Amino acid sequence: MVVHSLTYRLVRISVIAAATLTFLLVSQPSEIPAVLLITPFMGIFATLYLSIVEVIRFLGPDEDENGAIVQVRRPRLMSAALAGFPVLLLVLQSIVELTFWDVLIAFTIMLLAYIYISRSSVSFWH
C-alpha cells in the first residue's frame, strides 16, 4: 500500500510538472488572457511544494518512528515557505523588477520565515 501511495504522489508531481512545462512551451504571454498569466507560477509552485513535501517525508521517520534525519511537525507550512521563495523571484523577474536588493530582501524574509518555522515545528535527530 505504501508503494502504491508513493507511486501515485510521484505521478501527480510529474503530471503537474509536465503540464506546466507544456503550457510554457506552447503559449505566448501576449496571446493569452491576463488571468492565465499566473498559471505557470502556480504550476511551478505546486511542483516545488509537492516535491519538498516528498523529500520531508523521505527524510522523516518510518512507521515505527525510527530512522528520521529530520522530523517536521508542519511539513506543509515548511514546504510552502521553501517553494514560495523561488516562485517569488520568478514573479519579480517576469515583471522586470528583480534587482540585487529584491533578492536580498526576499532571501532575508525567507531566512526569517525558515528560522521561525524551524524553531516552532522542526526537531532534528542525530
Protein backbone atom coordinates (compact mmCIF):
# COMPACT_ATOMS: atom_id res chain seq x y z
CA MET A 1 0.00 0.00 0.00
CA VAL A 2 2.86 2.38 0.80
CA VAL A 3 4.49 1.81 -2.61
CA HIS A 4 1.20 2.46 -4.39
CA SER A 5 0.72 5.69 -2.48
CA LEU A 6 4.28 6.83 -3.23
CA THR A 7 3.83 5.99 -6.91
CA TYR A 8 0.61 7.99 -7.02
CA ARG A 9 2.28 11.01 -5.41
CA LEU A 10 5.25 10.87 -7.78
CA VAL A 11 2.97 10.55 -10.81
CA ARG A 12 0.97 13.54 -9.56
CA ILE A 13 4.14 15.64 -9.29
CA SER A 14 5.23 14.53 -12.77
CA VAL A 15 1.87 15.35 -14.32
CA ILE A 16 1.82 18.84 -12.79
CA ALA A 17 5.41 19.47 -13.92
CA ALA A 18 4.69 18.20 -17.45
CA ALA A 19 1.50 20.27 -17.73
CA THR A 20 3.35 23.39 -16.57
CA LEU A 21 6.20 22.79 -19.00
CA THR A 22 3.76 22.15 -21.85
CA PHE A 23 1.87 25.34 -21.04
CA LEU A 24 5.12 27.33 -21.05
CA LEU A 25 6.25 25.82 -24.35
CA VAL A 26 3.02 26.22 -26.33
CA SER A 27 1.70 29.58 -25.09
CA GLN A 28 2.72 33.13 -25.83
CA PRO A 29 2.15 35.60 -22.97
CA SER A 30 0.99 38.27 -25.40
CA GLU A 31 -1.72 35.99 -26.84
CA ILE A 32 -3.35 34.56 -23.71
CA PRO A 33 -5.79 36.27 -21.33
CA ALA A 34 -4.20 38.07 -18.39
CA VAL A 35 -5.86 35.70 -15.93
CA LEU A 36 -3.88 32.78 -17.37
CA LEU A 37 -0.53 34.53 -16.88
CA ILE A 38 -0.44 33.28 -13.30
CA THR A 39 -0.86 29.63 -14.36
CA PRO A 40 2.85 28.82 -14.86
CA PHE A 41 3.72 30.28 -11.46
CA MET A 42 1.02 28.18 -9.82
CA GLY A 43 2.32 25.08 -11.60
CA ILE A 44 5.91 25.76 -10.59
CA PHE A 45 4.83 26.39 -7.00
CA ALA A 46 2.75 23.20 -6.91
CA THR A 47 5.60 21.13 -8.35
CA LEU A 48 8.13 22.53 -5.88
CA TYR A 49 5.72 22.28 -2.95
CA LEU A 50 4.79 18.65 -3.59
CA SER A 51 8.43 17.72 -4.25
CA ILE A 52 9.59 19.30 -0.98
CA VAL A 53 6.80 17.53 0.93
CA GLU A 54 8.01 14.23 -0.52
CA VAL A 55 11.62 14.97 0.47
CA ILE A 56 10.48 15.78 4.00
CA ARG A 57 8.51 12.52 4.10
CA PHE A 58 11.53 10.62 2.80
CA LEU A 59 13.84 12.13 5.43
CA GLY A 60 11.28 11.75 8.20
CA PRO A 61 10.62 8.79 10.46
CA ASP A 62 9.23 5.50 9.23
CA GLU A 63 6.04 3.90 10.54
CA ASP A 64 7.81 2.91 13.77
CA GLU A 65 9.10 6.46 14.37
CA ASN A 66 12.67 5.28 13.73
CA GLY A 67 15.43 6.41 11.42
CA ALA A 68 14.43 10.05 10.99
CA ILE A 69 17.03 12.51 9.74
CA VAL A 70 14.61 15.35 10.36
CA GLN A 71 11.18 15.39 11.90
CA VAL A 72 8.90 18.21 10.81
CA ARG A 73 5.62 18.68 12.63
CA ARG A 74 4.24 21.02 9.96
CA PRO A 75 5.72 19.83 6.63
CA ARG A 76 3.14 21.68 4.52
CA LEU A 77 3.98 25.03 6.08
CA MET A 78 7.70 24.41 5.67
CA SER A 79 7.21 23.30 2.07
CA ALA A 80 5.13 26.35 1.23
CA ALA A 81 7.83 28.66 2.58
CA LEU A 82 10.60 26.86 0.71
CA ALA A 83 8.65 26.67 -2.55
CA GLY A 84 7.45 30.27 -2.34
CA PHE A 85 10.94 31.80 -2.41
CA PRO A 86 11.96 30.80 -5.96
CA VAL A 87 8.45 31.48 -7.24
CA LEU A 88 8.60 34.98 -5.73
CA LEU A 89 11.90 35.56 -7.53
CA LEU A 90 10.41 34.33 -10.80
CA VAL A 91 7.43 36.66 -10.42
CA LEU A 92 9.72 39.62 -9.76
CA GLN A 93 11.90 38.66 -12.75
CA SER A 94 8.89 38.35 -15.03
CA ILE A 95 7.78 41.91 -14.27
CA VAL A 96 11.38 43.16 -14.66
CA GLU A 97 11.62 44.21 -11.04
CA LEU A 98 14.26 41.77 -9.85
CA THR A 99 17.32 43.55 -8.52
CA PHE A 100 20.04 42.56 -6.11
CA TRP A 101 18.18 44.30 -3.29
CA ASP A 102 14.97 42.44 -4.11
CA VAL A 103 16.81 39.12 -3.92
CA LEU A 104 18.45 40.17 -0.65
CA ILE A 105 15.13 41.24 0.88
CA ALA A 106 13.33 38.11 -0.34
CA PHE A 107 16.17 35.93 0.98
CA THR A 108 16.06 37.70 4.34
CA ILE A 109 12.30 37.20 4.59
CA MET A 110 12.73 33.55 3.59
CA LEU A 111 15.50 33.05 6.13
CA LEU A 112 13.45 34.65 8.92
CA ALA A 113 10.43 32.55 7.97
CA TYR A 114 12.59 29.42 7.94
CA ILE A 115 14.04 30.22 11.36
CA TYR A 116 10.60 30.93 12.77
CA ILE A 117 9.11 27.75 11.32
CA SER A 118 12.08 25.61 12.27
CA ARG A 119 12.08 26.83 15.86
CA SER A 120 8.39 26.17 16.19
CA SER A 121 7.90 22.98 14.18
CA VAL A 122 11.14 21.09 13.48
CA SER A 123 13.25 18.91 15.70
CA PHE A 124 16.45 17.36 14.33
CA TRP A 125 17.52 13.86 15.32
CA HIS A 126 21.21 12.93 15.47
